[in-house]
């Protein structure tokens, strides 16, 4: 397979159906989807397993609180491809999402995508059936109207340029890694030993920490512009005020060590 798409997930089956509908109509079909489940309820697990097939797999661990980094590491170890694409379970891929990430595949590079923020109204209008019929290709006018109403939908991130040369010309080297949309060669994330599982709260540990440790090895984060598009379902965003995460991240920066001993392979007691 050309890519392993790792989808972080917890309990929201309705949105997962939208995500999988988006992947079912990709212009590039040579990839697998791994649903990295951070401890969903038993009835949810049964329903999700019913969605699995030869190209969609479900990985689960017990719900002991937020352990997203741990289940993502499990998914990395389970992945069959040498190229990994990470998204969140509330983000629906554009038709050319996988193709765009593969086009940017390169050793020593992390491809950082962004998301179009859907309003509550637009989110509620989505269904698996409408996505399969191409509804995401008809969002320009609804997004424009939402922008006029003052909603922060980030309309500019909806535009995709087909010419790779022009996208490359407009691409910039800054912007930062967002955990909901990024890709990397498996060999490069193995160099930092994956996600640091000491982070027990969302934010920082799933993106800022990775970007810092990649940077210590000279692995650059390159922003995908006008490609690799995701549509983010509306919900209240998590607070980035996480004192425990900030203290841990500060200690990581003080040590200046790219390889975490609390990642894919455990090297400490």
C-alpha atoms as a PDB file:
ATOM      1  CA  UNK A   1       0.000   0.000   0.000  1.00  0.00           C
ATOM      2  CA  UNK A   2       1.129   3.543  -0.696  1.00  0.00           C
ATOM      3  CA  UNK A   3      -0.105   4.998   2.609  1.00  0.00           C
ATOM      4  CA  UNK A   4      -1.569   4.169   5.999  1.00  0.00           C
ATOM      5  CA  UNK A   5      -4.151   6.743   7.105  1.00  0.00           C
ATOM      6  CA  UNK A   6      -4.429   6.802  10.912  1.00  0.00           C
ATOM      7  CA  UNK A   7      -7.697   8.242  12.213  1.00  0.00           C
ATOM      8  CA  UNK A   8      -7.853   9.101  15.923  1.00  0.00           C
ATOM      9  CA  UNK A   9     -11.304   8.239  17.263  1.00  0.00           C
ATOM     10  CA  UNK A  10     -13.407   8.206  20.424  1.00  0.00           C
ATOM     11  CA  UNK A  11     -17.118   7.276  20.528  1.00  0.00           C
ATOM     12  CA  UNK A  12     -18.514   9.586  17.798  1.00  0.00           C
ATOM     13  CA  UNK A  13     -19.703   7.056  15.217  1.00  0.00           C
ATOM     14  CA  UNK A  14     -21.820   9.614  13.333  1.00  0.00           C
ATOM     15  CA  UNK A  15     -18.756  11.657  12.409  1.00  0.00           C
ATOM     16  CA  UNK A  16     -16.670   8.562  11.702  1.00  0.00           C
ATOM     17  CA  UNK A  17     -19.226   7.580   9.041  1.00  0.00           C
ATOM     18  CA  UNK A  18     -18.660  10.967   7.370  1.00  0.00           C
ATOM     19  CA  UNK A  19     -14.896  10.486   7.508  1.00  0.00           C
ATOM     20  CA  UNK A  20     -15.057   7.006   5.989  1.00  0.00           C
ATOM     21  CA  UNK A  21     -17.434   8.242   3.286  1.00  0.00           C
ATOM     22  CA  UNK A  22     -14.801  10.829   2.382  1.00  0.00           C
ATOM     23  CA  UNK A  23     -12.133   8.157   2.113  1.00  0.00           C
ATOM     24  CA  UNK A  24     -14.328   5.854   0.042  1.00  0.00           C
ATOM     25  CA  UNK A  25     -14.360   8.372  -2.837  1.00  0.00           C
ATOM     26  CA  UNK A  26     -10.669   9.262  -2.887  1.00  0.00           C
ATOM     27  CA  UNK A  27      -9.008   9.729  -6.266  1.00  0.00           C
ATOM     28  CA  UNK A  28      -6.135   7.584  -4.914  1.00  0.00           C
ATOM     29  CA  UNK A  29      -7.354   4.250  -3.536  1.00  0.00           C
ATOM     30  CA  UNK A  30      -4.100   2.444  -2.711  1.00  0.00           C
ATOM     31  CA  UNK A  31      -4.140   3.034   1.042  1.00  0.00           C
ATOM     32  CA  UNK A  32      -5.437   1.561   4.282  1.00  0.00           C
ATOM     33  CA  UNK A  33      -7.381   3.253   7.071  1.00  0.00           C
ATOM     34  CA  UNK A  34      -6.549   2.469  10.693  1.00  0.00           C
ATOM     35  CA  UNK A  35      -9.129   3.651  13.228  1.00  0.00           C
ATOM     36  CA  UNK A  36      -7.100   4.394  16.367  1.00  0.00           C
ATOM     37  CA  UNK A  37      -9.738   4.123  19.098  1.00  0.00           C
ATOM     38  CA  UNK A  38      -8.863   5.655  22.480  1.00  0.00           C
ATOM     39  CA  UNK A  39     -11.273   3.476  24.472  1.00  0.00           C
ATOM     40  CA  UNK A  40     -14.758   3.826  22.975  1.00  0.00           C
ATOM     41  CA  UNK A  41     -17.742   2.116  24.612  1.00  0.00           C
ATOM     42  CA  UNK A  42     -18.485  -1.541  23.861  1.00  0.00           C
ATOM     43  CA  UNK A  43     -21.559  -0.808  21.739  1.00  0.00           C
ATOM     44  CA  UNK A  44     -19.576   1.739  19.723  1.00  0.00           C
ATOM     45  CA  UNK A  45     -16.775  -0.768  19.164  1.00  0.00           C
ATOM     46  CA  UNK A  46     -19.257  -3.324  17.843  1.00  0.00           C
ATOM     47  CA  UNK A  47     -20.662  -0.805  15.370  1.00  0.00           C
ATOM     48  CA  UNK A  48     -17.231   0.343  14.206  1.00  0.00           C
ATOM     49  CA  UNK A  49     -16.045  -3.207  13.657  1.00  0.00           C
ATOM     50  CA  UNK A  50     -19.033  -3.662  11.376  1.00  0.00           C
ATOM     51  CA  UNK A  51     -17.589  -0.914   9.148  1.00  0.00           C
ATOM     52  CA  UNK A  52     -14.216  -2.634   8.784  1.00  0.00           C
ATOM     53  CA  UNK A  53     -13.027  -4.553   5.734  1.00  0.00           C
ATOM     54  CA  UNK A  54      -9.769  -5.463   4.004  1.00  0.00           C
ATOM     55  CA  UNK A  55      -8.759  -1.786   3.872  1.00  0.00           C
ATOM     56  CA  UNK A  56     -10.251  -0.463   7.129  1.00  0.00           C
ATOM     57  CA  UNK A  57      -8.989  -1.755  10.475  1.00  0.00           C
ATOM     58  CA  UNK A  58      -9.959  -0.924  14.047  1.00  0.00           C
ATOM     59  CA  UNK A  59      -7.489  -0.756  16.951  1.00  0.00           C
ATOM     60  CA  UNK A  60      -8.728  -0.244  20.514  1.00  0.00           C
ATOM     61  CA  UNK A  61      -7.418  -0.029  24.039  1.00  0.00           C
ATOM     62  CA  UNK A  62      -9.154   0.333  27.382  1.00  0.00           C
ATOM     63  CA  UNK A  63     -10.512   3.734  28.396  1.00  0.00           C
ATOM     64  CA  UNK A  64      -8.167   4.911  31.145  1.00  0.00           C
ATOM     65  CA  UNK A  65      -8.532   8.585  30.348  1.00  0.00           C
ATOM     66  CA  UNK A  66      -7.007  10.534  27.443  1.00  0.00           C
ATOM     67  CA  UNK A  67      -4.328   8.275  25.946  1.00  0.00           C
ATOM     68  CA  UNK A  68      -4.432   9.351  22.325  1.00  0.00           C
ATOM     69  CA  UNK A  69      -0.655   9.211  21.974  1.00  0.00           C
ATOM     70  CA  UNK A  70      -0.593   5.608  23.125  1.00  0.00           C
ATOM     71  CA  UNK A  71      -3.206   4.388  20.625  1.00  0.00           C
ATOM     72  CA  UNK A  72      -1.514   6.359  17.833  1.00  0.00           C
ATOM     73  CA  UNK A  73       1.750   4.577  18.587  1.00  0.00           C
ATOM     74  CA  UNK A  74      -0.108   1.277  18.442  1.00  0.00           C
ATOM     75  CA  UNK A  75      -1.466   2.253  15.038  1.00  0.00           C
ATOM     76  CA  UNK A  76       2.018   3.157  13.774  1.00  0.00           C
ATOM     77  CA  UNK A  77       3.328  -0.242  14.834  1.00  0.00           C
ATOM     78  CA  UNK A  78       0.385  -1.890  13.056  1.00  0.00           C
ATOM     79  CA  UNK A  79       0.641   0.134   9.832  1.00  0.00           C
ATOM     80  CA  UNK A  80       1.489  -1.680   6.592  1.00  0.00           C
ATOM     81  CA  UNK A  81       2.750   1.262   4.522  1.00  0.00           C
ATOM     82  CA  UNK A  82       5.987   3.237   4.708  1.00  0.00           C
ATOM     83  CA  UNK A  83       4.079   6.549   4.594  1.00  0.00           C
ATOM     84  CA  UNK A  84       1.723   7.654   7.371  1.00  0.00           C
ATOM     85  CA  UNK A  85      -1.091  10.228   7.222  1.00  0.00           C
ATOM     86  CA  UNK A  86      -2.649  11.355  10.514  1.00  0.00           C
ATOM     87  CA  UNK A  87      -6.113  12.889  10.865  1.00  0.00           C
ATOM     88  CA  UNK A  88      -8.699  13.321  13.623  1.00  0.00           C
ATOM     89  CA  UNK A  89     -12.063  11.590  13.593  1.00  0.00           C
ATOM     90  CA  UNK A  90     -13.930  14.881  13.184  1.00  0.00           C
ATOM     91  CA  UNK A  91     -12.229  15.801   9.909  1.00  0.00           C
ATOM     92  CA  UNK A  92     -13.595  14.782   6.505  1.00  0.00           C
ATOM     93  CA  UNK A  93     -11.077  14.476   3.645  1.00  0.00           C
ATOM     94  CA  UNK A  94     -11.308  16.258   0.321  1.00  0.00           C
ATOM     95  CA  UNK A  95     -11.556  13.935  -2.686  1.00  0.00           C
ATOM     96  CA  UNK A  96      -7.834  14.369  -3.467  1.00  0.00           C
ATOM     97  CA  UNK A  97      -6.620  14.392   0.149  1.00  0.00           C
ATOM     98  CA  UNK A  98      -4.573  11.172   0.016  1.00  0.00           C
ATOM     99  CA  UNK A  99      -3.218  11.962  -3.449  1.00  0.00           C
ATOM    100  CA  UNK A 100      -2.028  15.389  -2.293  1.00  0.00           C
ATOM    101  CA  UNK A 101      -0.197  14.031   0.736  1.00  0.00           C
ATOM    102  CA  UNK A 102       1.455  11.335  -1.382  1.00  0.00           C
ATOM    103  CA  UNK A 103       2.537  13.957  -3.913  1.00  0.00           C
ATOM    104  CA  UNK A 104       4.374  15.794  -1.111  1.00  0.00           C
ATOM    105  CA  UNK A 105       5.998  12.641   0.289  1.00  0.00           C
ATOM    106  CA  UNK A 106       9.703  13.142   0.916  1.00  0.00           C
ATOM    107  CA  UNK A 107      12.308  11.879   3.370  1.00  0.00           C
ATOM    108  CA  UNK A 108      13.187  14.369   6.088  1.00  0.00           C
ATOM    109  CA  UNK A 109       9.951  16.311   5.587  1.00  0.00           C
ATOM    110  CA  UNK A 110       6.708  16.532   7.576  1.00  0.00           C
ATOM    111  CA  UNK A 111       3.730  17.711   5.519  1.00  0.00           C
ATOM    112  CA  UNK A 112       1.440  19.873   7.643  1.00  0.00           C
ATOM    113  CA  UNK A 113      -2.076  20.383   6.333  1.00  0.00           C
ATOM    114  CA  UNK A 114      -4.846  22.591   7.619  1.00  0.00           C
ATOM    115  CA  UNK A 115      -8.608  22.372   7.975  1.00  0.00           C
ATOM    116  CA  UNK A 116     -11.669  24.218   6.736  1.00  0.00           C
ATOM    117  CA  UNK A 117     -13.754  25.008   9.814  1.00  0.00           C
ATOM    118  CA  UNK A 118     -17.370  24.115   9.045  1.00  0.00           C
ATOM    119  CA  UNK A 119     -20.149  25.993  10.802  1.00  0.00           C
ATOM    120  CA  UNK A 120     -22.713  24.144  12.907  1.00  0.00           C
ATOM    121  CA  UNK A 121     -25.293  24.574  10.131  1.00  0.00           C
ATOM    122  CA  UNK A 122     -22.995  23.123   7.464  1.00  0.00           C
ATOM    123  CA  UNK A 123     -21.956  20.262   9.742  1.00  0.00           C
ATOM    124  CA  UNK A 124     -25.565  19.301  10.425  1.00  0.00           C
ATOM    125  CA  UNK A 125     -26.302  19.196   6.690  1.00  0.00           C
ATOM    126  CA  UNK A 126     -23.627  16.592   6.015  1.00  0.00           C
ATOM    127  CA  UNK A 127     -24.390  12.897   5.727  1.00  0.00           C
ATOM    128  CA  UNK A 128     -22.452   9.901   4.469  1.00  0.00           C
ATOM    129  CA  UNK A 129     -24.792   9.742   1.478  1.00  0.00           C
ATOM    130  CA  UNK A 130     -24.353  13.420   0.578  1.00  0.00           C
ATOM    131  CA  UNK A 131     -20.577  13.133   0.820  1.00  0.00           C
ATOM    132  CA  UNK A 132     -20.600  10.115  -1.473  1.00  0.00           C
ATOM    133  CA  UNK A 133     -22.623  12.214  -3.932  1.00  0.00           C
ATOM    134  CA  UNK A 134     -19.966  14.960  -3.887  1.00  0.00           C
ATOM    135  CA  UNK A 135     -21.374  17.519  -1.442  1.00  0.00           C
ATOM    136  CA  UNK A 136     -17.883  18.588  -0.370  1.00  0.00           C
ATOM    137  CA  UNK A 137     -17.278  19.764  -3.942  1.00  0.00           C
ATOM    138  CA  UNK A 138     -20.197  22.181  -3.639  1.00  0.00           C
ATOM    139  CA  UNK A 139     -19.217  24.065  -0.491  1.00  0.00           C
ATOM    140  CA  UNK A 140     -17.797  27.237  -2.016  1.00  0.00           C
ATOM    141  CA  UNK A 141     -20.997  29.290  -1.892  1.00  0.00           C
ATOM    142  CA  UNK A 142     -22.106  28.045   1.577  1.00  0.00           C
ATOM    143  CA  UNK A 143     -18.622  28.788   2.941  1.00  0.00           C
ATOM    144  CA  UNK A 144     -18.632  32.225   1.307  1.00  0.00           C
ATOM    145  CA  UNK A 145     -21.995  33.038   2.878  1.00  0.00           C
ATOM    146  CA  UNK A 146     -20.737  31.832   6.264  1.00  0.00           C
ATOM    147  CA  UNK A 147     -17.739  34.149   5.899  1.00  0.00           C
ATOM    148  CA  UNK A 148     -20.047  37.090   5.198  1.00  0.00           C
ATOM    149  CA  UNK A 149     -21.922  36.239   8.416  1.00  0.00           C
ATOM    150  CA  UNK A 150     -18.659  36.563  10.320  1.00  0.00           C
ATOM    151  CA  UNK A 151     -18.143  32.856  10.944  1.00  0.00           C
ATOM    152  CA  UNK A 152     -14.511  31.752  11.108  1.00  0.00           C
ATOM    153  CA  UNK A 153     -14.681  29.040   8.468  1.00  0.00           C
ATOM    154  CA  UNK A 154     -11.231  29.810   6.988  1.00  0.00           C
ATOM    155  CA  UNK A 155     -12.569  29.997   3.435  1.00  0.00           C
ATOM    156  CA  UNK A 156      -9.106  30.353   1.869  1.00  0.00           C
ATOM    157  CA  UNK A 157      -8.226  26.822   2.989  1.00  0.00           C
ATOM    158  CA  UNK A 158     -11.031  25.419   0.810  1.00  0.00           C
ATOM    159  CA  UNK A 159      -9.252  26.233  -2.448  1.00  0.00           C
ATOM    160  CA  UNK A 160      -7.201  23.484  -4.102  1.00  0.00           C
ATOM    161  CA  UNK A 161      -4.783  24.152  -6.950  1.00  0.00           C
ATOM    162  CA  UNK A 162      -4.353  21.291  -9.409  1.00  0.00           C
ATOM    163  CA  UNK A 163      -0.931  22.327 -10.725  1.00  0.00           C
ATOM    164  CA  UNK A 164       1.737  20.942  -8.401  1.00  0.00           C
ATOM    165  CA  UNK A 165       4.313  23.449  -9.637  1.00  0.00           C
ATOM    166  CA  UNK A 166       2.131  26.384  -8.621  1.00  0.00           C
ATOM    167  CA  UNK A 167       1.355  24.811  -5.238  1.00  0.00           C
ATOM    168  CA  UNK A 168       5.069  24.331  -4.653  1.00  0.00           C
ATOM    169  CA  UNK A 169       5.734  27.948  -5.560  1.00  0.00           C
ATOM    170  CA  UNK A 170       3.115  29.169  -3.070  1.00  0.00           C
ATOM    171  CA  UNK A 171       4.062  26.760  -0.293  1.00  0.00           C
ATOM    172  CA  UNK A 172       5.793  28.198   2.773  1.00  0.00           C
ATOM    173  CA  UNK A 173       8.052  26.550   5.333  1.00  0.00           C
ATOM    174  CA  UNK A 174       6.285  27.842   8.419  1.00  0.00           C
ATOM    175  CA  UNK A 175       2.877  27.392   9.956  1.00  0.00           C
ATOM    176  CA  UNK A 176       3.368  24.573  12.403  1.00  0.00           C
ATOM    177  CA  UNK A 177       2.196  20.993  12.708  1.00  0.00           C
ATOM    178  CA  UNK A 178      -1.467  20.392  13.566  1.00  0.00           C
ATOM    179  CA  UNK A 179      -2.308  16.941  14.876  1.00  0.00           C
ATOM    180  CA  UNK A 180      -5.500  16.737  12.799  1.00  0.00           C
ATOM    181  CA  UNK A 181      -3.781  16.781   9.383  1.00  0.00           C
ATOM    182  CA  UNK A 182      -0.189  15.808   8.699  1.00  0.00           C
ATOM    183  CA  UNK A 183       1.952  13.124   7.107  1.00  0.00           C
ATOM    184  CA  UNK A 184       5.448  11.694   7.351  1.00  0.00           C
ATOM    185  CA  UNK A 185       7.536   8.725   6.284  1.00  0.00           C
ATOM    186  CA  UNK A 186       7.377   5.977   8.898  1.00  0.00           C
ATOM    187  CA  UNK A 187      11.170   5.859   9.044  1.00  0.00           C
ATOM    188  CA  UNK A 188      11.261   9.525  10.094  1.00  0.00           C
ATOM    189  CA  UNK A 189       8.755   9.213  12.953  1.00  0.00           C
ATOM    190  CA  UNK A 190      10.600   6.101  14.098  1.00  0.00           C
ATOM    191  CA  UNK A 191      13.723   8.254  14.428  1.00  0.00           C
ATOM    192  CA  UNK A 192      12.016  10.177  17.264  1.00  0.00           C
ATOM    193  CA  UNK A 193      10.323   7.002  18.577  1.00  0.00           C
ATOM    194  CA  UNK A 194       6.815   8.209  17.826  1.00  0.00           C
ATOM    195  CA  UNK A 195       4.499   9.996  20.223  1.00  0.00           C
ATOM    196  CA  UNK A 196       5.536  10.609  23.828  1.00  0.00           C
ATOM    197  CA  UNK A 197       2.992   8.685  25.910  1.00  0.00           C
ATOM    198  CA  UNK A 198       3.639  10.676  29.077  1.00  0.00           C
ATOM    199  CA  UNK A 199       1.228  13.351  27.820  1.00  0.00           C
ATOM    200  CA  UNK A 200      -2.112  12.569  29.441  1.00  0.00           C
ATOM    201  CA  UNK A 201      -4.090  15.558  28.167  1.00  0.00           C
ATOM    202  CA  UNK A 202      -4.931  16.872  24.680  1.00  0.00           C
ATOM    203  CA  UNK A 203      -2.852  19.528  22.861  1.00  0.00           C
ATOM    204  CA  UNK A 204       0.913  20.097  22.853  1.00  0.00           C
ATOM    205  CA  UNK A 205       1.876  16.412  23.139  1.00  0.00           C
ATOM    206  CA  UNK A 206       0.219  15.491  19.849  1.00  0.00           C
ATOM    207  CA  UNK A 207       1.722  18.269  17.727  1.00  0.00           C
ATOM    208  CA  UNK A 208       4.025  20.845  19.387  1.00  0.00           C
ATOM    209  CA  UNK A 209       6.138  18.159  21.047  1.00  0.00           C
ATOM    210  CA  UNK A 210       6.512  16.255  17.774  1.00  0.00           C
ATOM    211  CA  UNK A 211       7.421  19.347  15.782  1.00  0.00           C
ATOM    212  CA  UNK A 212      10.105  20.292  18.308  1.00  0.00           C
ATOM    213  CA  UNK A 213      11.685  16.842  18.348  1.00  0.00           C
ATOM    214  CA  UNK A 214      11.543  16.557  14.558  1.00  0.00           C
ATOM    215  CA  UNK A 215      13.313  19.915  14.372  1.00  0.00           C
ATOM    216  CA  UNK A 216      16.182  18.653  16.516  1.00  0.00           C
ATOM    217  CA  UNK A 217      16.908  16.136  13.756  1.00  0.00           C
ATOM    218  CA  UNK A 218      16.569  18.682  10.974  1.00  0.00           C
ATOM    219  CA  UNK A 219      13.236  17.228   9.807  1.00  0.00           C
ATOM    220  CA  UNK A 220      11.385  20.251   8.470  1.00  0.00           C
ATOM    221  CA  UNK A 221       7.654  20.908   8.803  1.00  0.00           C
ATOM    222  CA  UNK A 222       6.349  22.113   5.429  1.00  0.00           C
ATOM    223  CA  UNK A 223       2.860  23.587   5.198  1.00  0.00           C
ATOM    224  CA  UNK A 224       0.612  22.200   2.490  1.00  0.00           C
ATOM    225  CA  UNK A 225      -1.145  25.090   0.813  1.00  0.00           C
ATOM    226  CA  UNK A 226      -4.013  24.655  -1.633  1.00  0.00           C
ATOM    227  CA  UNK A 227      -3.840  20.869  -1.205  1.00  0.00           C
ATOM    228  CA  UNK A 228      -4.333  18.162   1.430  1.00  0.00           C
ATOM    229  CA  UNK A 229      -7.673  19.691   2.465  1.00  0.00           C
ATOM    230  CA  UNK A 230      -9.831  18.553   5.394  1.00  0.00           C
ATOM    231  CA  UNK A 231     -13.266  19.753   6.516  1.00  0.00           C
ATOM    232  CA  UNK A 232     -13.574  20.034  10.297  1.00  0.00           C
ATOM    233  CA  UNK A 233     -16.966  19.243  11.855  1.00  0.00           C
ATOM    234  CA  UNK A 234     -18.182  21.967  14.177  1.00  0.00           C
ATOM    235  CA  UNK A 235     -17.716  21.545  17.919  1.00  0.00           C
ATOM    236  CA  UNK A 236     -16.294  23.472  20.842  1.00  0.00           C
ATOM    237  CA  UNK A 237     -12.505  23.504  20.553  1.00  0.00           C
ATOM    238  CA  UNK A 238     -10.406  22.098  23.369  1.00  0.00           C
ATOM    239  CA  UNK A 239      -8.564  24.491  25.623  1.00  0.00           C
ATOM    240  CA  UNK A 240      -4.819  24.719  25.072  1.00  0.00           C
ATOM    241  CA  UNK A 241      -4.340  25.693  28.721  1.00  0.00           C
ATOM    242  CA  UNK A 242      -2.865  22.403  29.925  1.00  0.00           C
ATOM    243  CA  UNK A 243      -0.394  23.076  32.771  1.00  0.00           C
ATOM    244  CA  UNK A 244       0.768  19.460  33.023  1.00  0.00           C
ATOM    245  CA  UNK A 245       1.500  19.300  29.308  1.00  0.00           C
ATOM    246  CA  UNK A 246       3.313  22.618  29.389  1.00  0.00           C
ATOM    247  CA  UNK A 247       5.552  21.490  32.249  1.00  0.00           C
ATOM    248  CA  UNK A 248       6.382  18.251  30.458  1.00  0.00           C
ATOM    249  CA  UNK A 249       7.061  20.029  27.187  1.00  0.00           C
ATOM    250  CA  UNK A 250       9.360  22.461  28.956  1.00  0.00           C
ATOM    251  CA  UNK A 251      11.387  19.550  30.352  1.00  0.00           C
ATOM    252  CA  UNK A 252      11.613  18.038  26.847  1.00  0.00           C
ATOM    253  CA  UNK A 253      12.998  21.316  25.513  1.00  0.00           C
ATOM    254  CA  UNK A 254      15.506  21.528  28.346  1.00  0.00           C
ATOM    255  CA  UNK A 255      16.801  18.033  27.582  1.00  0.00           C
ATOM    256  CA  UNK A 256      16.993  18.723  23.822  1.00  0.00           C
ATOM    257  CA  UNK A 257      16.631  15.012  23.061  1.00  0.00           C
ATOM    258  CA  UNK A 258      14.641  14.090  19.905  1.00  0.00           C
ATOM    259  CA  UNK A 259      14.181  10.437  20.875  1.00  0.00           C
ATOM    260  CA  UNK A 260      11.580   9.852  23.568  1.00  0.00           C
ATOM    261  CA  UNK A 261      12.034   6.717  25.689  1.00  0.00           C
ATOM    262  CA  UNK A 262       8.245   6.684  26.241  1.00  0.00           C
ATOM    263  CA  UNK A 263       7.171   6.120  22.651  1.00  0.00           C
ATOM    264  CA  UNK A 264       6.956   3.326  20.083  1.00  0.00           C
ATOM    265  CA  UNK A 265       9.610   1.359  21.906  1.00  0.00           C
ATOM    266  CA  UNK A 266       9.880   1.681  25.685  1.00  0.00           C
ATOM    267  CA  UNK A 267      13.517   2.075  26.682  1.00  0.00           C
ATOM    268  CA  UNK A 268      13.046   2.909  30.385  1.00  0.00           C
ATOM    269  CA  UNK A 269      11.411   1.094  33.274  1.00  0.00           C
END
